[in-house]
N, C-alpha and C. Protein backbone atom coordinates (compact mmCIF):
# COMPACT_ATOMS: atom_id res chain seq x y z
N MET A 1 106.26 85.69 91.91
CA MET A 1 105.15 86.73 91.97
C MET A 1 105.15 87.41 93.34
N LYS A 2 105.13 88.65 93.31
CA LYS A 2 105.18 89.54 94.54
C LYS A 2 104.03 90.61 94.57
N LEU A 3 103.58 90.89 95.73
CA LEU A 3 102.78 92.07 95.96
C LEU A 3 103.68 93.22 95.82
N CYS A 4 103.10 94.47 95.42
CA CYS A 4 103.90 95.52 95.38
C CYS A 4 102.95 96.89 95.53
N SER A 5 103.43 97.67 96.39
CA SER A 5 102.75 99.05 96.64
C SER A 5 102.47 99.56 95.24
N ALA A 6 101.26 99.85 94.91
CA ALA A 6 100.93 100.48 93.60
C ALA A 6 101.56 101.78 93.34
N CYS A 7 101.84 102.55 94.34
CA CYS A 7 102.46 103.93 94.11
C CYS A 7 103.84 103.73 93.72
N LEU A 8 104.54 102.77 94.00
CA LEU A 8 105.92 102.51 93.52
C LEU A 8 105.97 102.17 92.11
N LEU A 9 104.78 101.68 91.51
CA LEU A 9 104.73 101.31 90.10
C LEU A 9 104.14 102.57 89.26
N GLY A 10 103.92 103.74 89.97
CA GLY A 10 103.44 104.81 89.17
C GLY A 10 102.07 105.19 89.32
N VAL A 11 101.34 104.29 90.01
CA VAL A 11 99.90 104.47 90.17
C VAL A 11 99.60 105.65 91.16
N ARG A 12 98.71 106.58 90.89
CA ARG A 12 98.41 107.72 91.67
C ARG A 12 97.41 107.44 92.73
N CYS A 13 97.85 106.71 93.80
CA CYS A 13 97.05 106.32 94.78
C CYS A 13 97.48 106.79 96.30
N ARG A 14 98.53 107.46 96.24
CA ARG A 14 98.96 108.06 97.60
C ARG A 14 97.95 109.02 98.24
N TYR A 15 98.08 109.30 99.35
CA TYR A 15 97.17 110.19 100.03
C TYR A 15 96.98 111.47 99.39
N ASP A 16 98.11 111.95 98.85
CA ASP A 16 98.06 113.36 98.07
C ASP A 16 97.61 113.28 96.69
N GLY A 17 97.14 112.01 96.15
CA GLY A 17 96.78 111.84 94.85
C GLY A 17 97.93 111.76 93.85
N LYS A 18 99.15 111.52 94.36
CA LYS A 18 100.40 111.35 93.63
C LYS A 18 100.86 109.99 93.64
N SER A 19 101.87 109.69 92.81
CA SER A 19 102.57 108.33 92.96
C SER A 19 103.99 108.59 93.40
N MET A 20 104.61 107.49 93.64
CA MET A 20 106.12 107.56 94.05
C MET A 20 106.83 106.55 93.24
N PRO A 21 106.80 106.68 91.90
CA PRO A 21 107.45 105.57 91.03
C PRO A 21 108.92 105.39 91.35
N ASP A 22 109.34 104.33 91.48
CA ASP A 22 110.71 103.94 91.88
C ASP A 22 111.35 103.16 90.81
N GLU A 23 112.44 103.69 90.27
CA GLU A 23 113.06 103.13 89.17
C GLU A 23 113.48 101.69 89.33
N LYS A 24 113.97 101.29 90.50
CA LYS A 24 114.40 99.85 90.70
C LYS A 24 113.21 98.96 90.69
N VAL A 25 112.08 99.41 91.31
CA VAL A 25 110.76 98.69 91.25
C VAL A 25 110.29 98.50 89.89
N ILE A 26 110.24 99.56 89.13
CA ILE A 26 109.75 99.58 87.75
C ILE A 26 110.62 98.58 86.85
N ASN A 27 111.87 98.65 87.08
CA ASN A 27 112.78 97.82 86.36
C ASN A 27 112.51 96.30 86.68
N LEU A 28 112.30 96.06 88.09
CA LEU A 28 112.01 94.75 88.48
C LEU A 28 110.73 94.30 87.86
N ALA A 29 109.72 95.07 87.58
CA ALA A 29 108.44 94.70 87.05
C ALA A 29 108.63 94.23 85.55
N THR A 30 109.78 94.55 84.87
CA THR A 30 109.95 94.09 83.63
C THR A 30 110.52 92.74 83.62
N LYS A 31 110.90 92.13 84.74
CA LYS A 31 111.47 90.85 84.82
C LYS A 31 110.58 89.90 85.67
N GLU A 32 109.73 90.43 86.54
CA GLU A 32 109.02 89.61 87.48
C GLU A 32 107.53 90.14 87.45
N LEU A 33 106.54 89.28 87.84
CA LEU A 33 105.30 89.72 87.89
C LEU A 33 105.03 90.27 89.27
N LEU A 34 104.68 91.66 89.30
CA LEU A 34 104.49 92.30 90.63
C LEU A 34 102.91 92.71 90.50
N ILE A 35 102.23 92.45 91.62
CA ILE A 35 100.79 92.54 91.71
C ILE A 35 100.56 93.97 92.54
N PRO A 36 100.14 94.95 91.85
CA PRO A 36 99.98 96.29 92.49
C PRO A 36 98.77 96.21 93.60
N ILE A 37 99.14 96.73 94.62
CA ILE A 37 98.12 96.87 95.72
C ILE A 37 98.19 98.30 96.39
N CYS A 38 97.04 98.73 96.83
CA CYS A 38 97.10 99.95 97.74
C CYS A 38 96.15 99.66 98.91
N PRO A 39 96.68 99.36 100.02
CA PRO A 39 95.86 98.99 101.17
C PRO A 39 94.81 100.03 101.60
N GLU A 40 95.18 101.32 101.53
CA GLU A 40 94.30 102.40 101.82
C GLU A 40 93.09 102.34 100.94
N GLN A 41 93.32 102.27 99.71
CA GLN A 41 92.08 102.22 98.68
C GLN A 41 91.34 100.96 98.98
N LEU A 42 91.94 99.88 99.19
CA LEU A 42 91.27 98.53 99.47
C LEU A 42 90.46 98.54 100.71
N GLY A 43 90.90 99.47 101.62
CA GLY A 43 90.19 99.66 102.90
C GLY A 43 89.06 100.66 102.80
N GLY A 44 88.84 101.20 101.67
CA GLY A 44 87.70 102.09 101.43
C GLY A 44 87.99 103.56 101.47
N LEU A 45 89.29 104.01 101.58
CA LEU A 45 89.59 105.39 101.69
C LEU A 45 89.72 105.98 100.22
N PRO A 46 89.38 107.22 100.11
CA PRO A 46 89.45 107.88 98.78
C PRO A 46 90.82 108.41 98.44
N THR A 47 91.07 108.72 97.29
CA THR A 47 92.26 109.39 96.73
C THR A 47 91.81 110.55 96.01
N PRO A 48 92.40 111.73 96.39
CA PRO A 48 93.22 111.96 97.60
C PRO A 48 92.50 111.87 98.93
N ARG A 49 93.34 111.88 100.04
CA ARG A 49 92.77 111.80 101.21
C ARG A 49 93.71 112.48 102.36
N THR A 50 93.19 112.80 103.42
CA THR A 50 94.06 113.46 104.45
C THR A 50 95.21 112.46 104.82
N ALA A 51 96.36 113.10 104.98
CA ALA A 51 97.48 112.21 105.50
C ALA A 51 97.14 111.56 106.75
N ALA A 52 97.67 110.38 106.92
CA ALA A 52 97.43 109.55 108.30
C ALA A 52 98.76 109.04 108.70
N GLU A 53 98.85 108.79 110.07
CA GLU A 53 100.01 108.24 110.70
C GLU A 53 99.48 107.38 111.85
N GLN A 54 100.38 106.41 112.18
CA GLN A 54 100.03 105.57 113.31
C GLN A 54 100.38 106.32 114.59
N LYS A 55 99.48 106.10 115.60
CA LYS A 55 99.58 106.82 116.91
C LYS A 55 99.26 105.58 117.86
N GLY A 56 100.32 105.11 118.28
CA GLY A 56 100.03 103.79 119.22
C GLY A 56 99.48 102.73 118.36
N ASP A 57 98.39 102.12 118.77
CA ASP A 57 97.74 100.97 118.01
C ASP A 57 96.57 101.56 117.07
N ARG A 58 96.64 102.92 116.91
CA ARG A 58 95.53 103.51 116.09
C ARG A 58 96.17 104.19 114.91
N VAL A 59 95.28 104.42 113.81
CA VAL A 59 95.84 105.17 112.74
C VAL A 59 94.90 106.42 112.62
N VAL A 60 95.42 107.64 112.66
CA VAL A 60 94.65 108.84 112.71
C VAL A 60 95.07 109.76 111.59
N THR A 61 94.18 110.57 111.02
CA THR A 61 94.53 111.60 110.11
C THR A 61 95.06 112.78 110.82
N LYS A 62 95.70 113.60 109.93
CA LYS A 62 96.22 114.92 110.46
C LYS A 62 95.18 115.78 111.10
N ASP A 63 93.85 115.60 110.74
CA ASP A 63 92.82 116.38 111.39
C ASP A 63 92.15 115.66 112.45
N GLY A 64 92.73 114.51 112.85
CA GLY A 64 92.27 113.71 114.03
C GLY A 64 91.17 112.73 113.79
N LEU A 65 90.88 112.39 112.60
CA LEU A 65 89.84 111.32 112.33
C LEU A 65 90.52 109.89 112.50
N ASP A 66 89.88 109.09 113.19
CA ASP A 66 90.46 107.65 113.42
C ASP A 66 90.04 106.87 112.16
N VAL A 67 91.04 106.34 111.44
CA VAL A 67 90.83 105.54 110.29
C VAL A 67 91.42 104.19 110.42
N THR A 68 91.59 103.74 111.70
CA THR A 68 92.14 102.41 111.92
C THR A 68 91.46 101.32 111.28
N THR A 69 90.06 101.30 111.27
CA THR A 69 89.30 100.31 110.68
C THR A 69 89.59 100.18 109.24
N ASN A 70 89.67 101.30 108.52
CA ASN A 70 90.05 101.40 107.05
C ASN A 70 91.44 100.66 106.81
N PHE A 71 92.34 100.95 107.66
CA PHE A 71 93.73 100.45 107.51
C PHE A 71 93.75 99.02 107.66
N GLN A 72 92.99 98.37 108.71
CA GLN A 72 92.92 97.07 108.97
C GLN A 72 92.19 96.43 107.94
N ARG A 73 91.04 96.88 107.53
CA ARG A 73 90.31 96.31 106.30
C ARG A 73 91.23 96.30 105.09
N GLY A 74 91.94 97.26 104.72
CA GLY A 74 92.92 97.23 103.71
C GLY A 74 93.92 96.05 103.81
N ALA A 75 94.50 95.95 104.96
CA ALA A 75 95.52 95.02 105.24
C ALA A 75 94.97 93.52 105.04
N GLU A 76 93.69 93.40 105.50
CA GLU A 76 93.13 92.06 105.26
C GLU A 76 92.89 91.76 103.79
N GLU A 77 92.42 92.72 103.19
CA GLU A 77 92.22 92.65 101.63
C GLU A 77 93.44 92.23 100.93
N VAL A 78 94.56 92.94 101.22
CA VAL A 78 95.89 92.65 100.71
C VAL A 78 96.28 91.26 101.06
N PHE A 79 96.11 90.84 102.28
CA PHE A 79 96.37 89.43 102.63
C PHE A 79 95.61 88.38 101.79
N LYS A 80 94.26 88.59 101.60
CA LYS A 80 93.38 87.89 100.74
C LYS A 80 94.13 87.68 99.33
N LEU A 81 94.66 88.80 98.74
CA LEU A 81 95.15 88.80 97.53
C LEU A 81 96.54 87.98 97.66
N ALA A 82 97.26 88.11 98.55
CA ALA A 82 98.46 87.26 98.81
C ALA A 82 98.26 85.78 98.69
N LYS A 83 97.07 85.42 99.55
CA LYS A 83 96.75 84.03 99.53
C LYS A 83 96.27 83.59 98.10
N PHE A 84 95.47 84.33 97.48
CA PHE A 84 94.87 83.93 96.20
C PHE A 84 95.94 83.80 95.11
N PHE A 85 96.95 84.67 95.16
CA PHE A 85 98.11 84.55 94.18
C PHE A 85 99.27 83.75 94.63
N SER A 86 99.21 83.17 95.89
CA SER A 86 100.26 82.50 96.51
C SER A 86 101.57 83.34 96.53
N ALA A 87 101.35 84.56 96.76
CA ALA A 87 102.58 85.48 96.88
C ALA A 87 103.18 85.26 98.30
N LYS A 88 104.45 84.99 98.18
CA LYS A 88 105.29 84.93 99.51
C LYS A 88 106.02 86.03 99.71
N LYS A 89 106.18 86.94 98.90
CA LYS A 89 106.97 88.21 99.14
C LYS A 89 106.21 89.53 98.72
N ALA A 90 106.65 90.56 99.35
CA ALA A 90 105.98 91.86 99.02
C ALA A 90 107.08 92.97 99.11
N ILE A 91 106.84 93.89 98.23
CA ILE A 91 107.74 95.17 98.10
C ILE A 91 106.74 96.30 98.42
N LEU A 92 107.06 96.85 99.65
CA LEU A 92 106.02 97.90 100.06
C LEU A 92 106.74 99.36 100.35
N LYS A 93 106.00 100.32 100.26
CA LYS A 93 106.55 101.82 100.47
C LYS A 93 106.94 102.01 101.86
N GLN A 94 108.17 102.30 102.05
CA GLN A 94 108.76 102.62 103.27
C GLN A 94 108.08 103.80 104.03
N ARG A 95 107.87 103.61 105.27
CA ARG A 95 107.35 104.78 106.14
C ARG A 95 105.87 104.90 106.08
N SER A 96 105.30 104.31 105.20
CA SER A 96 103.76 104.43 105.05
C SER A 96 103.04 103.85 106.38
N PRO A 97 101.88 104.35 106.83
CA PRO A 97 101.23 103.79 107.93
C PRO A 97 100.66 102.38 107.55
N SER A 98 100.45 102.09 106.34
CA SER A 98 100.06 100.73 105.87
C SER A 98 101.37 99.85 105.51
N CYS A 99 102.31 100.37 104.71
CA CYS A 99 103.26 99.59 104.09
C CYS A 99 104.59 99.67 104.74
N GLY A 100 104.81 100.67 105.53
CA GLY A 100 106.14 100.86 106.19
C GLY A 100 106.60 99.50 106.77
N CYS A 101 107.91 99.29 106.53
CA CYS A 101 108.48 97.98 107.05
C CYS A 101 109.80 98.43 107.87
N GLY A 102 109.70 98.34 109.20
CA GLY A 102 110.83 98.75 110.05
C GLY A 102 110.88 100.23 110.41
N GLN A 103 110.23 100.98 109.58
CA GLN A 103 110.31 102.50 109.84
C GLN A 103 108.80 103.06 109.53
N ILE A 104 108.24 103.83 110.40
CA ILE A 104 107.11 104.59 110.31
C ILE A 104 107.20 105.82 110.91
N TYR A 105 106.23 106.87 110.45
CA TYR A 105 106.25 108.15 111.17
C TYR A 105 105.61 107.95 112.54
N ASP A 106 105.94 108.86 113.49
CA ASP A 106 105.57 108.70 114.85
C ASP A 106 104.18 108.97 115.26
N GLY A 107 103.31 109.62 114.43
CA GLY A 107 102.03 110.07 114.71
C GLY A 107 101.87 111.49 115.01
N THR A 108 102.96 112.28 114.98
CA THR A 108 102.93 113.61 115.30
C THR A 108 102.85 114.60 114.05
N PHE A 109 102.96 113.94 113.02
CA PHE A 109 102.99 114.73 111.76
C PHE A 109 104.23 115.71 111.58
N SER A 110 105.36 115.44 112.26
CA SER A 110 106.37 116.24 112.29
C SER A 110 107.59 115.58 111.48
N SER A 111 107.28 114.52 110.61
CA SER A 111 108.24 113.78 109.83
C SER A 111 109.26 113.01 110.64
N THR A 112 109.00 112.86 112.01
CA THR A 112 109.91 112.07 112.87
C THR A 112 109.58 110.57 112.72
N ILE A 113 110.66 109.86 112.38
CA ILE A 113 110.61 108.45 112.04
C ILE A 113 110.98 107.62 113.24
N ILE A 114 110.16 106.51 113.48
CA ILE A 114 110.50 105.59 114.58
C ILE A 114 110.48 104.10 114.03
N LYS A 115 110.87 103.34 114.87
CA LYS A 115 110.91 101.89 114.39
C LYS A 115 109.43 101.40 114.54
N GLY A 116 109.13 100.56 113.51
CA GLY A 116 107.81 100.04 113.54
C GLY A 116 107.38 99.62 112.14
N ASP A 117 106.22 98.95 112.11
CA ASP A 117 105.70 98.36 110.75
C ASP A 117 104.30 99.01 110.63
N GLY A 118 103.95 99.21 109.29
CA GLY A 118 102.67 99.71 108.93
C GLY A 118 101.71 98.51 109.20
N VAL A 119 100.38 98.85 109.18
CA VAL A 119 99.31 97.82 109.46
C VAL A 119 99.41 96.66 108.54
N THR A 120 99.57 96.95 107.23
CA THR A 120 99.67 95.92 106.25
C THR A 120 101.01 95.04 106.24
N ALA A 121 102.05 95.71 106.34
CA ALA A 121 103.31 95.02 106.51
C ALA A 121 103.37 94.12 107.71
N LYS A 122 102.72 94.53 108.77
CA LYS A 122 102.81 93.76 110.10
C LYS A 122 101.93 92.46 109.85
N LEU A 123 100.74 92.57 109.24
CA LEU A 123 99.90 91.48 108.97
C LEU A 123 100.64 90.54 107.98
N LEU A 124 101.15 91.05 106.94
CA LEU A 124 101.87 90.04 106.05
C LEU A 124 103.02 89.30 106.73
N LYS A 125 103.84 90.10 107.48
CA LYS A 125 104.88 89.43 108.26
C LYS A 125 104.41 88.33 109.15
N GLU A 126 103.36 88.75 109.94
CA GLU A 126 102.83 87.75 110.92
C GLU A 126 102.39 86.46 110.29
N ASN A 127 102.15 86.55 108.95
CA ASN A 127 101.63 85.39 108.20
C ASN A 127 102.64 84.85 107.29
N GLY A 128 103.84 85.10 107.57
CA GLY A 128 104.99 84.40 106.77
C GLY A 128 105.43 84.94 105.50
N ILE A 129 104.91 86.14 105.19
CA ILE A 129 105.30 86.83 103.83
C ILE A 129 106.49 87.63 104.07
N THR A 130 107.40 87.57 103.32
CA THR A 130 108.63 88.37 103.40
C THR A 130 108.33 89.70 102.87
N VAL A 131 108.62 90.69 103.60
CA VAL A 131 108.37 92.12 103.28
C VAL A 131 109.66 92.91 103.17
N LYS A 132 109.75 93.52 102.04
CA LYS A 132 110.93 94.40 101.72
C LYS A 132 110.44 95.76 101.28
N THR A 133 111.22 96.72 101.41
CA THR A 133 110.82 98.13 100.89
C THR A 133 111.59 98.39 99.62
N GLU A 134 111.19 99.51 99.01
CA GLU A 134 111.89 99.93 97.75
C GLU A 134 113.39 100.31 98.09
N GLU A 135 113.66 100.60 99.31
CA GLU A 135 114.82 100.92 99.84
C GLU A 135 115.84 99.73 99.99
N ASP A 136 115.22 98.49 100.14
CA ASP A 136 115.90 97.30 100.33
C ASP A 136 116.42 96.59 98.89
N LEU A 137 115.94 97.13 97.81
CA LEU A 137 116.20 96.60 96.51
C LEU A 137 117.60 96.82 96.10
């Protein structure tokens, strides 16, 4: 049993109201139980919503609104689900400010990628949950 970014399974929960279905992830879901999660929605943000990126230890939208608290709350809710389901692994959307694992955008909204983890990926890793991205499958 694994947690999985809901957008990778075709759920329209991304900031732009779209999904990012990934064929490898969808194929995996036919063989394993994947628990769909969207940290941004669990943190209380609407869909669609203004794009956000990490800027240092904060998460801000393209128009300057600080949504760090929502991202932290969403990460905590995802971690609660991981504990509830005894999930030890997660497949998360690469470069997302919540789910990015090893790569995130730099906070300038210029599509510049830097090393780093999204808020949720970081919390899960800190608590012993193995995090992979759709690109790692």
